[in-house]
Structures are given as C-alpha cells and as structure tokens.
C-alpha atoms as a PDB file:
ATOM      1  CA  MET A   1      41.656 -41.227  11.037  1.00  0.00           C
ATOM      2  CA  PRO A   2      45.106 -39.347  10.812  1.00  0.00           C
ATOM      3  CA  LYS A   3      44.453 -38.357  14.707  1.00  0.00           C
ATOM      4  CA  LEU A   4      44.077 -42.138  15.573  1.00  0.00           C
ATOM      5  CA  ALA A   5      47.071 -43.603  13.202  1.00  0.00           C
ATOM      6  CA  LEU A   6      49.974 -42.573  15.313  1.00  0.00           C
ATOM      7  CA  PRO A   7      48.491 -44.073  18.740  1.00  0.00           C
ATOM      8  CA  THR A   8      47.464 -47.034  17.105  1.00  0.00           C
ATOM      9  CA  VAL A   9      50.946 -47.553  15.614  1.00  0.00           C
ATOM     10  CA  PHE A  10      52.607 -47.019  18.991  1.00  0.00           C
ATOM     11  CA  LEU A  11      50.254 -49.309  20.632  1.00  0.00           C
ATOM     12  CA  GLY A  12      50.759 -52.164  18.403  1.00  0.00           C
ATOM     13  CA  LEU A  13      54.576 -51.765  18.390  1.00  0.00           C
ATOM     14  CA  SER A  14      54.520 -51.926  22.276  1.00  0.00           C
ATOM     15  CA  ALA A  15      52.119 -55.049  22.035  1.00  0.00           C
ATOM     16  CA  ILE A  16      54.483 -56.606  19.648  1.00  0.00           C
ATOM     17  CA  VAL A  17      57.521 -55.813  22.111  1.00  0.00           C
ATOM     18  CA  LEU A  18      55.872 -57.098  25.263  1.00  0.00           C
ATOM     19  CA  PHE A  19      53.896 -60.032  24.199  1.00  0.00           C
ATOM     20  CA  GLY A  20      55.349 -61.317  20.874  1.00  0.00           C
ATOM     21  CA  ASN A  21      53.048 -62.872  18.362  1.00  0.00           C
ATOM     22  CA  PHE A  22      50.382 -62.550  20.485  1.00  0.00           C
ATOM     23  CA  GLY A  23      50.696 -58.787  20.899  1.00  0.00           C
ATOM     24  CA  ALA A  24      50.828 -58.528  17.094  1.00  0.00           C
ATOM     25  CA  ALA A  25      47.731 -60.151  16.684  1.00  0.00           C
ATOM     26  CA  VAL A  26      46.280 -58.001  19.347  1.00  0.00           C
ATOM     27  CA  ALA A  27      47.733 -55.047  17.645  1.00  0.00           C
ATOM     28  CA  ALA A  28      46.415 -56.018  14.373  1.00  0.00           C
ATOM     29  CA  ALA A  29      42.792 -56.321  15.656  1.00  0.00           C
ATOM     30  CA  VAL A  30      43.185 -53.166  17.335  1.00  0.00           C
ATOM     31  CA  PHE A  31      44.256 -51.478  14.169  1.00  0.00           C
ATOM     32  CA  LEU A  32      41.303 -52.941  12.342  1.00  0.00           C
ATOM     33  CA  LEU A  33      38.824 -52.081  14.800  1.00  0.00           C
ATOM     34  CA  GLY A  34      39.964 -48.481  14.727  1.00  0.00           C
ATOM     35  CA  LEU A  35      39.963 -48.508  10.929  1.00  0.00           C
ATOM     36  CA  ILE A  36      36.565 -50.047  10.833  1.00  0.00           C
ATOM     37  CA  LEU A  37      35.304 -47.164  13.546  1.00  0.00           C
ATOM     38  CA  GLY A  38      36.779 -44.345  11.403  1.00  0.00           C
ATOM     39  CA  ILE A  39      35.019 -45.372   8.363  1.00  0.00           C
ATOM     40  CA  LEU A  40      31.818 -45.825  10.067  1.00  0.00           C
ATOM     41  CA  GLY A  41      32.198 -42.511  12.010  1.00  0.00           C
ATOM     42  CA  ARG A  42      33.158 -40.722   8.753  1.00  0.00           C
ATOM     43  CA  ARG A  43      29.807 -42.285   7.178  1.00  0.00           C
ATOM     44  CA  ALA A  44      27.562 -41.989  10.073  1.00  0.00           C
ATOM     45  CA  ALA A  45      28.268 -38.752  12.025  1.00  0.00           C
ATOM     46  CA  VAL A  46      27.273 -35.358  10.028  1.00  0.00           C
ATOM     47  CA  SER A  47      27.428 -32.058  11.418  1.00  0.00           C
ATOM     48  CA  ILE A  48      24.490 -29.358  10.149  1.00  0.00           C
ATOM     49  CA  HIS A  49      25.658 -25.895  10.475  1.00  0.00           C
ATOM     50  CA  GLU A  50      23.683 -23.308  11.884  1.00  0.00           C
ATOM     51  CA  MET A  51      20.964 -21.407   9.845  1.00  0.00           C
ATOM     52  CA  GLN A  52      20.663 -24.859   8.009  1.00  0.00           C
ATOM     53  CA  VAL A  53      18.659 -27.703   7.812  1.00  0.00           C
ATOM     54  CA  GLY A  54      19.820 -31.081   6.572  1.00  0.00           C
ATOM     55  CA  VAL A  55      17.521 -33.209   4.281  1.00  0.00           C
ATOM     56  CA  VAL A  56      18.251 -37.071   4.657  1.00  0.00           C
ATOM     57  CA  TYR A  57      17.631 -39.641   1.942  1.00  0.00           C
ATOM     58  CA  ASN A  58      17.822 -43.460   1.816  1.00  0.00           C
ATOM     59  CA  ARG A  59      20.767 -44.447  -0.150  1.00  0.00           C
ATOM     60  CA  ALA A  60      18.792 -47.473  -1.861  1.00  0.00           C
ATOM     61  CA  ASN A  61      15.854 -45.710  -3.418  1.00  0.00           C
ATOM     62  CA  HIS A  62      16.623 -41.608  -2.797  1.00  0.00           C
ATOM     63  CA  ALA A  63      13.432 -41.588  -0.725  1.00  0.00           C
ATOM     64  CA  PHE A  64      13.116 -38.764   1.713  1.00  0.00           C
ATOM     65  CA  VAL A  65      13.614 -39.877   5.199  1.00  0.00           C
ATOM     66  CA  ARG A  66      13.713 -36.737   7.695  1.00  0.00           C
ATOM     67  CA  PHE A  67      15.000 -33.457   8.254  1.00  0.00           C
ATOM     68  CA  LEU A  68      17.913 -32.825  10.345  1.00  0.00           C
ATOM     69  CA  SER A  69      18.225 -29.481  12.754  1.00  0.00           C
ATOM     70  CA  PRO A  70      21.577 -27.842  13.136  1.00  0.00           C
ATOM     71  CA  GLY A  71      24.194 -29.856  15.232  1.00  0.00           C
ATOM     72  CA  ARG A  72      25.579 -33.093  15.109  1.00  0.00           C
ATOM     73  CA  HIS A  73      23.722 -36.264  14.278  1.00  0.00           C
ATOM     74  CA  TRP A  74      24.213 -39.853  13.312  1.00  0.00           C
ATOM     75  CA  LEU A  75      22.987 -41.748  10.333  1.00  0.00           C
ATOM     76  CA  ILE A  76      22.629 -45.358   9.636  1.00  0.00           C
ATOM     77  CA  PRO A  77      25.837 -46.272   7.856  1.00  0.00           C
ATOM     78  CA  PHE A  78      25.492 -47.014   3.955  1.00  0.00           C
ATOM     79  CA  ALA A  79      21.977 -46.749   4.294  1.00  0.00           C
ATOM     80  CA  GLU A  80      21.307 -42.928   5.035  1.00  0.00           C
ATOM     81  CA  GLN A  81      22.700 -39.921   3.530  1.00  0.00           C
ATOM     82  CA  VAL A  82      22.427 -36.113   3.786  1.00  0.00           C
ATOM     83  CA  GLY A  83      21.365 -34.912   0.007  1.00  0.00           C
ATOM     84  CA  ALA A  84      20.671 -31.333   0.404  1.00  0.00           C
ATOM     85  CA  LEU A  85      20.745 -28.437   2.473  1.00  0.00           C
ATOM     86  CA  ILE A  86      17.942 -26.060   3.109  1.00  0.00           C
ATOM     87  CA  SER A  87      19.095 -22.457   4.231  1.00  0.00           C
ATOM     88  CA  THR A  88      17.174 -20.978   7.119  1.00  0.00           C
ATOM     89  CA  ALA A  89      18.563 -17.618   7.006  1.00  0.00           C
ATOM     90  CA  PRO A  90      16.560 -14.544   6.191  1.00  0.00           C
ATOM     91  CA  GLN A  91      15.982 -14.217   2.418  1.00  0.00           C
ATOM     92  CA  THR A  92      14.571 -11.719   0.037  1.00  0.00           C
ATOM     93  CA  ALA A  93      12.607 -11.830  -3.351  1.00  0.00           C
ATOM     94  CA  ASN A  94      11.811  -9.335  -5.778  1.00  0.00           C
ATOM     95  CA  GLY A  95       8.957  -9.183  -8.413  1.00  0.00           C
ATOM     96  CA  ARG A  96       7.201  -7.157 -11.111  1.00  0.00           C
ATOM     97  CA  CYS A  97       3.479  -8.361 -11.415  1.00  0.00           C
ATOM     98  CA  LEU A  98       2.499  -7.556 -14.752  1.00  0.00           C
ATOM     99  CA  GLY A  99      -1.175  -7.332 -16.118  1.00  0.00           C
ATOM    100  CA  VAL A 100      -2.906  -7.047 -12.651  1.00  0.00           C
ATOM    101  CA  GLN A 101      -6.526  -5.981 -13.421  1.00  0.00           C
ATOM    102  CA  SER A 102      -8.050  -3.457 -11.249  1.00  0.00           C
ATOM    103  CA  SER A 103     -11.939  -3.478 -10.373  1.00  0.00           C
ATOM    104  CA  GLY A 104     -12.716  -1.539 -13.400  1.00  0.00           C
ATOM    105  CA  GLY A 105     -10.747  -3.626 -15.883  1.00  0.00           C
ATOM    106  CA  ILE A 106      -7.599  -1.297 -15.903  1.00  0.00           C
ATOM    107  CA  VAL A 107      -4.400  -3.185 -16.494  1.00  0.00           C
ATOM    108  CA  LEU A 108      -1.650  -2.452 -14.123  1.00  0.00           C
ATOM    109  CA  ASP A 109       2.210  -3.366 -13.447  1.00  0.00           C
ATOM    110  CA  VAL A 110       3.081  -3.705  -9.831  1.00  0.00           C
ATOM    111  CA  GLU A 111       6.606  -3.674  -8.091  1.00  0.00           C
ATOM    112  CA  TRP A 112       6.960  -5.371  -4.857  1.00  0.00           C
ATOM    113  CA  SER A 113       9.678  -7.170  -2.446  1.00  0.00           C
ATOM    114  CA  LEU A 114       9.253  -9.988   0.109  1.00  0.00           C
ATOM    115  CA  SER A 115      11.355 -10.820   3.317  1.00  0.00           C
ATOM    116  CA  PHE A 116      11.183 -14.226   4.457  1.00  0.00           C
ATOM    117  CA  ASN A 117      12.830 -17.183   6.006  1.00  0.00           C
ATOM    118  CA  LEU A 118      12.323 -21.047   5.684  1.00  0.00           C
ATOM    119  CA  ASN A 119      11.190 -23.377   8.462  1.00  0.00           C
ATOM    120  CA  PRO A 120      10.914 -26.865   7.349  1.00  0.00           C
ATOM    121  CA  PHE A 121       9.810 -28.481  10.424  1.00  0.00           C
ATOM    122  CA  LYS A 122       6.477 -26.449  10.032  1.00  0.00           C
ATOM    123  CA  ILE A 123       5.565 -28.554   7.014  1.00  0.00           C
ATOM    124  CA  PRO A 124       2.938 -31.055   7.329  1.00  0.00           C
ATOM    125  CA  ALA A 125       4.416 -34.757   7.199  1.00  0.00           C
ATOM    126  CA  GLY A 126       2.205 -35.683   4.113  1.00  0.00           C
ATOM    127  CA  THR A 127       3.830 -32.860   1.733  1.00  0.00           C
ATOM    128  CA  ARG A 128       7.391 -33.062   3.200  1.00  0.00           C
ATOM    129  CA  PRO A 129       8.969 -35.445   0.522  1.00  0.00           C
ATOM    130  CA  LYS A 130       7.942 -33.213  -2.256  1.00  0.00           C
ATOM    131  CA  LEU A 131       9.008 -29.958  -0.598  1.00  0.00           C
ATOM    132  CA  ALA A 132      12.274 -31.231   0.633  1.00  0.00           C
ATOM    133  CA  ARG A 133      13.281 -31.735  -2.962  1.00  0.00           C
ATOM    134  CA  SER A 134      11.797 -28.071  -4.153  1.00  0.00           C
ATOM    135  CA  LEU A 135      12.836 -25.874  -1.091  1.00  0.00           C
ATOM    136  CA  PRO A 136      16.686 -26.344  -1.494  1.00  0.00           C
ATOM    137  CA  ARG A 137      16.527 -24.722  -5.325  1.00  0.00           C
ATOM    138  CA  GLN A 138      13.135 -23.291  -5.780  1.00  0.00           C
ATOM    139  CA  ALA A 139      12.313 -21.462  -2.888  1.00  0.00           C
ATOM    140  CA  THR A 140      12.456 -17.929  -4.306  1.00  0.00           C
ATOM    141  CA  ALA A 141      10.468 -18.938  -7.420  1.00  0.00           C
ATOM    142  CA  MET A 142       7.728 -20.281  -5.070  1.00  0.00           C
ATOM    143  CA  ALA A 143       7.606 -17.168  -3.275  1.00  0.00           C
ATOM    144  CA  VAL A 144       7.216 -15.075  -6.358  1.00  0.00           C
ATOM    145  CA  LYS A 145       4.580 -17.138  -7.716  1.00  0.00           C
ATOM    146  CA  HIS A 146       2.226 -17.211  -4.648  1.00  0.00           C
ATOM    147  CA  VAL A 147       3.049 -13.215  -3.880  1.00  0.00           C
ATOM    148  CA  ASN A 148       2.021 -12.372  -7.652  1.00  0.00           C
ATOM    149  CA  ASN A 149      -1.260 -14.432  -7.256  1.00  0.00           C
ATOM    150  CA  CYS A 150      -1.920 -12.697  -3.839  1.00  0.00           C
ATOM    151  CA  LEU A 151      -1.376  -9.362  -5.513  1.00  0.00           C
ATOM    152  CA  ARG A 152      -4.051 -10.052  -8.605  1.00  0.00           C
ATOM    153  CA  HIS A 153      -6.534 -11.175  -5.993  1.00  0.00           C
ATOM    154  CA  VAL A 154      -6.366  -8.184  -3.720  1.00  0.00           C
ATOM    155  CA  ILE A 155      -5.852  -5.429  -6.477  1.00  0.00           C
ATOM    156  CA  GLY A 156      -8.686  -6.806  -8.223  1.00  0.00           C
ATOM    157  CA  GLN A 157     -11.178  -5.861  -5.400  1.00  0.00           C
ATOM    158  CA  TYR A 158      -9.682  -1.943  -5.619  1.00  0.00           C
ATOM    159  CA  THR A 159     -10.914   0.703  -8.499  1.00  0.00           C
ATOM    160  CA  ILE A 160      -8.518   2.670  -9.987  1.00  0.00           C
ATOM    161  CA  ASP A 161      -9.421   5.716  -8.132  1.00  0.00           C
ATOM    162  CA  GLN A 162      -9.189   3.921  -4.747  1.00  0.00           C
ATOM    163  CA  LEU A 163      -5.453   2.837  -5.972  1.00  0.00           C
ATOM    164  CA  CYS A 164      -4.842   6.500  -6.340  1.00  0.00           C
ATOM    165  CA  GLN A 165      -5.699   7.545  -3.010  1.00  0.00           C
ATOM    166  CA  ALA A 166      -3.112   8.273   0.056  1.00  0.00           C
ATOM    167  CA  GLY A 167      -2.103   5.451   2.202  1.00  0.00           C
ATOM    168  CA  VAL A 168      -3.375   2.673  -0.159  1.00  0.00           C
ATOM    169  CA  GLN A 169       0.175   1.272  -0.407  1.00  0.00           C
ATOM    170  CA  LYS A 170       0.041   0.334   3.234  1.00  0.00           C
ATOM    171  CA  ARG A 171      -3.148  -1.198   3.024  1.00  0.00           C
ATOM    172  CA  LEU A 172      -2.314  -3.184   0.137  1.00  0.00           C
ATOM    173  CA  GLU A 173       1.115  -4.461   1.861  1.00  0.00           C
ATOM    174  CA  ARG A 174      -1.131  -5.624   4.952  1.00  0.00           C
ATOM    175  CA  GLN A 175      -3.830  -7.593   2.911  1.00  0.00           C
ATOM    176  CA  VAL A 176      -1.315  -8.908   0.762  1.00  0.00           C
ATOM    177  CA  ARG A 177       0.973 -10.152   3.404  1.00  0.00           C
ATOM    178  CA  GLN A 178      -1.950 -11.757   5.112  1.00  0.00           C
ATOM    179  CA  LEU A 179      -3.160 -13.737   2.197  1.00  0.00           C
ATOM    180  CA  ALA A 180       0.554 -14.707   1.223  1.00  0.00           C
ATOM    181  CA  ALA A 181       1.550 -15.868   5.092  1.00  0.00           C
ATOM    182  CA  GLU A 182      -1.870 -18.134   4.850  1.00  0.00           C
ATOM    183  CA  ARG A 183      -0.919 -19.732   1.650  1.00  0.00           C
ATOM    184  CA  LEU A 184       2.882 -20.025   2.271  1.00  0.00           C
ATOM    185  CA  ALA A 185       2.682 -21.592   5.929  1.00  0.00           C
ATOM    186  CA  ASP A 186       2.319 -25.115   4.958  1.00  0.00           C
ATOM    187  CA  LEU A 187       5.063 -24.568   2.597  1.00  0.00           C
ATOM    188  CA  GLY A 188       7.552 -23.941   5.209  1.00  0.00           C
ATOM    189  CA  PHE A 189       7.549 -19.982   4.694  1.00  0.00           C
ATOM    190  CA  GLU A 190       7.485 -17.612   7.573  1.00  0.00           C
ATOM    191  CA  LEU A 191       7.014 -13.906   6.110  1.00  0.00           C
ATOM    192  CA  SER A 192       8.747 -11.006   7.569  1.00  0.00           C
ATOM    193  CA  ARG A 193       7.504  -8.078   5.199  1.00  0.00           C
ATOM    194  CA  ILE A 194       6.176  -7.361   1.969  1.00  0.00           C
ATOM    195  CA  MET A 195       6.530  -3.873   0.504  1.00  0.00           C
ATOM    196  CA  ILE A 196       4.475  -2.638  -2.517  1.00  0.00           C
ATOM    197  CA  GLY A 197       6.396  -0.489  -4.738  1.00  0.00           C
ATOM    198  CA  ALA A 198       5.455   1.488  -7.987  1.00  0.00           C
ATOM    199  CA  ILE A 199       1.932   0.940  -9.328  1.00  0.00           C
ATOM    200  CA  GLU A 200       2.348   1.941 -13.118  1.00  0.00           C
ATOM    201  CA  MET A 201      -0.839   2.662 -15.365  1.00  0.00           C
ATOM    202  CA  PRO A 202      -1.068   2.424 -18.913  1.00  0.00           C
ATOM    203  CA  PRO A 203      -0.232   6.316 -20.408  1.00  0.00           C
ATOM    204  CA  HIS A 204      -3.722   6.854 -21.516  1.00  0.00           C
ATOM    205  CA  VAL A 205      -5.394   6.013 -18.313  1.00  0.00           C
ATOM    206  CA  LYS A 206      -2.510   8.276 -16.308  1.00  0.00           C
ATOM    207  CA  ALA A 207      -3.338  11.132 -18.690  1.00  0.00           C
ATOM    208  CA  ALA A 208      -7.063  11.037 -18.019  1.00  0.00           C
ATOM    209  CA  LEU A 209      -6.406  10.729 -14.377  1.00  0.00           C
ATOM    210  CA  GLU A 210      -4.319  13.536 -14.453  1.00  0.00           C
ATOM    211  CA  ALA A 211      -6.969  15.833 -16.657  1.00  0.00           C
ATOM    212  CA  ALA A 212      -9.755  14.689 -14.230  1.00  0.00           C
ATOM    213  CA  HIS A 213      -7.453  15.903 -11.177  1.00  0.00           C
ATOM    214  CA  ARG A 214      -6.743  19.458 -13.143  1.00  0.00           C
ATOM    215  CA  ARG A 215     -10.492  19.844 -13.777  1.00  0.00           C
ATOM    216  CA  ALA A 216     -11.342  19.129 -10.063  1.00  0.00           C
ATOM    217  CA  LEU A 217      -8.618  21.643  -8.947  1.00  0.00           C
ATOM    218  CA  GLN A 218     -10.289  24.234 -11.299  1.00  0.00           C
ATOM    219  CA  ALA A 219     -13.633  23.376 -10.164  1.00  0.00           C
ATOM    220  CA  GLU A 220     -12.662  23.785  -6.425  1.00  0.00           C
ATOM    221  CA  ASN A 221     -10.949  27.149  -7.323  1.00  0.00           C
ATOM    222  CA  GLU A 222     -13.950  28.557  -9.225  1.00  0.00           C
ATOM    223  CA  ALA A 223     -16.224  27.392  -6.368  1.00  0.00           C
ATOM    224  CA  TRP A 224     -13.891  29.199  -3.710  1.00  0.00           C
ATOM    225  CA  ALA A 225     -13.971  32.297  -5.812  1.00  0.00           C
ATOM    226  CA  LEU A 226     -17.909  32.188  -6.234  1.00  0.00           C
ATOM    227  CA  ALA A 227     -18.275  31.971  -2.508  1.00  0.00           C
ATOM    228  CA  ARG A 228     -15.836  34.905  -2.007  1.00  0.00           C
ATOM    229  CA  LEU A 229     -17.990  36.852  -4.815  1.00  0.00           C
ATOM    230  CA  GLN A 230     -21.256  36.134  -3.173  1.00  0.00           C
ATOM    231  CA  THR A 231     -19.986  37.183   0.444  1.00  0.00           C
ATOM    232  CA  VAL A 232     -19.001  40.364  -1.108  1.00  0.00           C
ATOM    233  CA  VAL A 233     -22.116  41.210  -2.939  1.00  0.00           C
ATOM    234  CA  SER A 234     -24.360  40.308  -0.253  1.00  0.00           C
ATOM    235  CA  GLN A 235     -22.853  43.479   1.659  1.00  0.00           C
ATOM    236  CA  PHE A 236     -23.909  45.703  -1.704  1.00  0.00           C
ATOM    237  CA  SER A 237     -26.909  48.221  -1.235  1.00  0.00           C
ATOM    238  CA  ASP A 238     -29.628  48.516  -3.800  1.00  0.00           C
ATOM    239  CA  ALA A 239     -28.009  51.543  -5.433  1.00  0.00           C
ATOM    240  CA  ASP A 240     -24.826  49.538  -5.985  1.00  0.00           C
ATOM    241  CA  MET A 241     -26.523  46.819  -7.513  1.00  0.00           C
ATOM    242  CA  ALA A 242     -28.051  49.448  -9.788  1.00  0.00           C
ATOM    243  CA  ARG A 243     -24.777  50.529 -10.872  1.00  0.00           C
ATOM    244  CA  LEU A 244     -23.374  47.229 -11.323  1.00  0.00           C
ATOM    245  CA  MET A 245     -26.252  46.192 -13.686  1.00  0.00           C
ATOM    246  CA  GLU A 246     -25.844  49.481 -15.603  1.00  0.00           C
ATOM    247  CA  LEU A 247     -21.932  48.851 -16.087  1.00  0.00           C
ATOM    248  CA  GLU A 248     -22.942  45.283 -17.297  1.00  0.00           C
ATOM    249  CA  ARG A 249     -25.340  46.745 -19.791  1.00  0.00           C
ATOM    250  CA  ILE A 250     -22.838  49.161 -20.894  1.00  0.00           C
ATOM    251  CA  HIS A 251     -20.177  46.179 -21.489  1.00  0.00           C
ATOM    252  CA  VAL A 252     -22.694  44.018 -23.478  1.00  0.00           C
ATOM    253  CA  LEU A 253     -23.796  47.006 -25.597  1.00  0.00           C
ATOM    254  CA  GLY A 254     -19.829  47.838 -26.141  1.00  0.00           C
ATOM    255  CA  GLN A 255     -19.401  44.176 -27.417  1.00  0.00           C
ATOM    256  CA  ASN A 256     -22.309  44.489 -29.902  1.00  0.00           C
ATOM    257  CA  GLY A 257     -20.971  47.691 -31.772  1.00  0.00           C
ATOM    258  CA  VAL A 258     -22.593  50.301 -29.668  1.00  0.00           C
ATOM    259  CA  THR A 259     -20.565  53.064 -28.307  1.00  0.00           C
ATOM    260  CA  LEU A 260     -21.346  55.131 -25.437  1.00  0.00           C
ATOM    261  CA  LEU A 261     -19.947  58.739 -24.644  1.00  0.00           C
ATOM    262  CA  TYR A 262     -20.311  59.682 -20.932  1.00  0.00           C
ATOM    263  CA  ALA A 263     -19.484  63.167 -19.551  1.00  0.00           C
ATOM    264  CA  MET A 264     -19.040  63.216 -15.760  1.00  0.00           C
ATOM    265  CA  ALA A 265     -20.718  66.191 -14.427  1.00  0.00           C
ATOM    266  CA  ALA A 266     -21.126  67.056 -10.636  1.00  0.00           C
ATOM    267  CA  PRO A 267     -24.943  67.051  -9.753  1.00  0.00           C
ATOM    268  CA  PRO A 268     -26.577  69.800  -8.156  1.00  0.00           C
ATOM    269  CA  ALA A 269     -25.949  70.757  -4.539  1.00  0.00           C
ATOM    270  CA  ARG A 270     -29.535  70.109  -3.721  1.00  0.00           C
ATOM    271  CA  GLU A 271     -31.824  68.076  -5.925  1.00  0.00           C
ATOM    272  CA  ASP A 272     -34.766  66.107  -5.171  1.00  0.00           C
ATOM    273  CA  ALA A 273     -35.184  62.423  -6.515  1.00  0.00           C
ATOM    274  CA  ASN A 274     -37.421  63.518  -9.357  1.00  0.00           C
ATOM    275  CA  SER A 275     -35.539  66.161 -10.789  1.00  0.00           C
ATOM    276  CA  ALA A 276     -32.288  63.890 -10.429  1.00  0.00           C
ATOM    277  CA  MET A 277     -34.006  61.072 -12.352  1.00  0.00           C
ATOM    278  CA  ASN A 278     -35.291  63.843 -15.270  1.00  0.00           C
ATOM    279  CA  SER A 279     -31.641  65.090 -15.458  1.00  0.00           C
ATOM    280  CA  TYR A 280     -30.275  61.583 -15.867  1.00  0.00           C
ATOM    281  CA  THR A 281     -32.734  60.684 -18.769  1.00  0.00           C
ATOM    282  CA  ARG A 282     -31.824  63.787 -20.575  1.00  0.00           C
ATOM    283  CA  PHE A 283     -28.126  63.119 -19.804  1.00  0.00           C
ATOM    284  CA  ALA A 284     -28.480  59.596 -21.137  1.00  0.00           C
ATOM    285  CA  ALA A 285     -30.370  60.478 -23.996  1.00  0.00           C
ATOM    286  CA  LYS A 286     -27.900  63.028 -25.089  1.00  0.00           C
ATOM    287  CA  SER A 287     -24.802  61.241 -24.504  1.00  0.00           C
ATOM    288  CA  ALA A 288     -25.928  57.664 -26.233  1.00  0.00           C
ATOM    289  CA  VAL A 289     -24.450  57.851 -29.852  1.00  0.00           C
ATOM    290  CA  VAL A 290     -25.509  54.810 -32.001  1.00  0.00           C
ATOM    291  CA  ALA A 291     -23.010  53.352 -34.485  1.00  0.00           C
ATOM    292  CA  PRO A 292     -24.188  53.006 -38.117  1.00  0.00           C
ATOM    293  CA  GLY A 293     -26.223  49.921 -38.897  1.00  0.00           C
ATOM    294  CA  VAL A 294     -27.165  49.455 -35.282  1.00  0.00           C
ATOM    295  CA  SER A 295     -30.733  50.103 -34.311  1.00  0.00           C
END
C-alpha cells in the first residue's frame, strides 16, 4: 500500500485538474479500487520460506485445508489463513530408553540419537488433519516415543552375552533404523541416521560379567600353559620321567613331615645295571631319616 499511495494521489490530482468533477470521481474510484486490491493482496497472497511448509486452515471452522510448499501462494480472502509452519530442515532428537529388557530379562538403559527431517506431503490424506496440528510442535516428542518403542522390540531379541559382543551396536543401529523408518514414514518423517550410545547394565550384572570374563581368560591361559607342558613332556625319555616321579615323591613326603637327606656321589666309572640298582637301594636306605611320629 505505501508504494501505491503516491502514484494514486498523483493520478487523482491530475484527473481533477484535467477533467474537473468527472476527474475527481474517476480518481476516487481508482483510489478505492487500489485500496481494495491492496487489502485483498495482503489477505490473499502469502510467501512460504525455504525449508518450511505452510498449514492452511479454514477461518470459519479452523478445519485443515491443505499444505503449502515453499514459494508464493494465493489464498481465498477472508476464508483461508496460514495457521502454522512446519520446518523441513534437518533436525535431531536425543533420548535415553530406560528399563529395556534383554532376552534373558536383564534390564538395561540405552542412549541414542536420531537425525531426521519432515516431509508433510508424504502423509496420507486421511491423517493429514491430525498430523498438521501435531508436527509443528510435537515432532521431536513423536520421534522419541517411536524410537524408544523400536529399541525395546529389537533389544528384546538379544541375550546379554550377544549385546556384549564386538560390532553389536552397528547391527542394532541398522535394525532400529529400519523398523523406525517403517513406522514413521506415514507420519511424514524421513530418517537419516540412528546412533546407539552407551548400553548400561545394573551393577551386579556388570560385576558378574567381568568375573566371568576373568575366569575365561584364566582358563584360556591355563589351557595354553598345559598345552606347552604337554609338548615339553612328550620329549622326555623314560629315565627323565622316572626322575620326575621321584622328585614328586620327595616333594609329597616333605609336605607330610618326612625329611630326606641326600648326599651326591659320583657313580663308579663302570658299573652294570644290577650293581647300579643295588647301590641306589643301599644309598636310599641309609640316607632316609624318618621324622619322629611318622612311620
């Protein structure tokens, strides 16, 4: 209107000078017409900014009429109005799903984040009136509610041991994103990414898992040591095994209170097997001293 006021006044004065009373009447008519058009233009023409969708309502009964894409549009004057704007820019939602039960009944707390944007034109016609009122203010709350529900459904299929395996978070992200995208598609949501954060367990469950892990590592180390021992023992001769058994016998006797004193002596230069055994028997009999009270 301010842009049209000066030209309208100039034309009106010119018409009065040139045509007298008839010119004044024409000028008044032109001015009145310009005023009406200006009012209608302000009421009928709307501009929807980029990354936004307009929601048009009926002025009389506030019923939903249609969505408006970005750009300039004309409404029915005094009958329609833009009642709300829906942002189509990328948005994020963060949540912490509490009390999620695994397959074995263990209660977990899961952190997550979601990246999404809204596209109201993908909403089915039957649900547009309801969602046109919900999306401008409650889009994030709707996303949080559905993602939490999807998390409970997906994690409920995993045992606690499976949730502790490497790479399980990426698998959970794919499954939750696929399920959430199916549920939110008819609500106008387009999901970009879901990230699963920390999966926290109750303290007693965490302690039990750590103890089981330590036992598993200990068993693995013992199995490795036993395998190495078997490899070494397999290379012993019969004489080496006899000496080991004798050392074990002496060790057991010492634990039971028996003291054995041995004197190291060089064997004869040449001695057959029988004489060597007899010498060893006499040597053992003389060197064994039994402690009092031990038979």
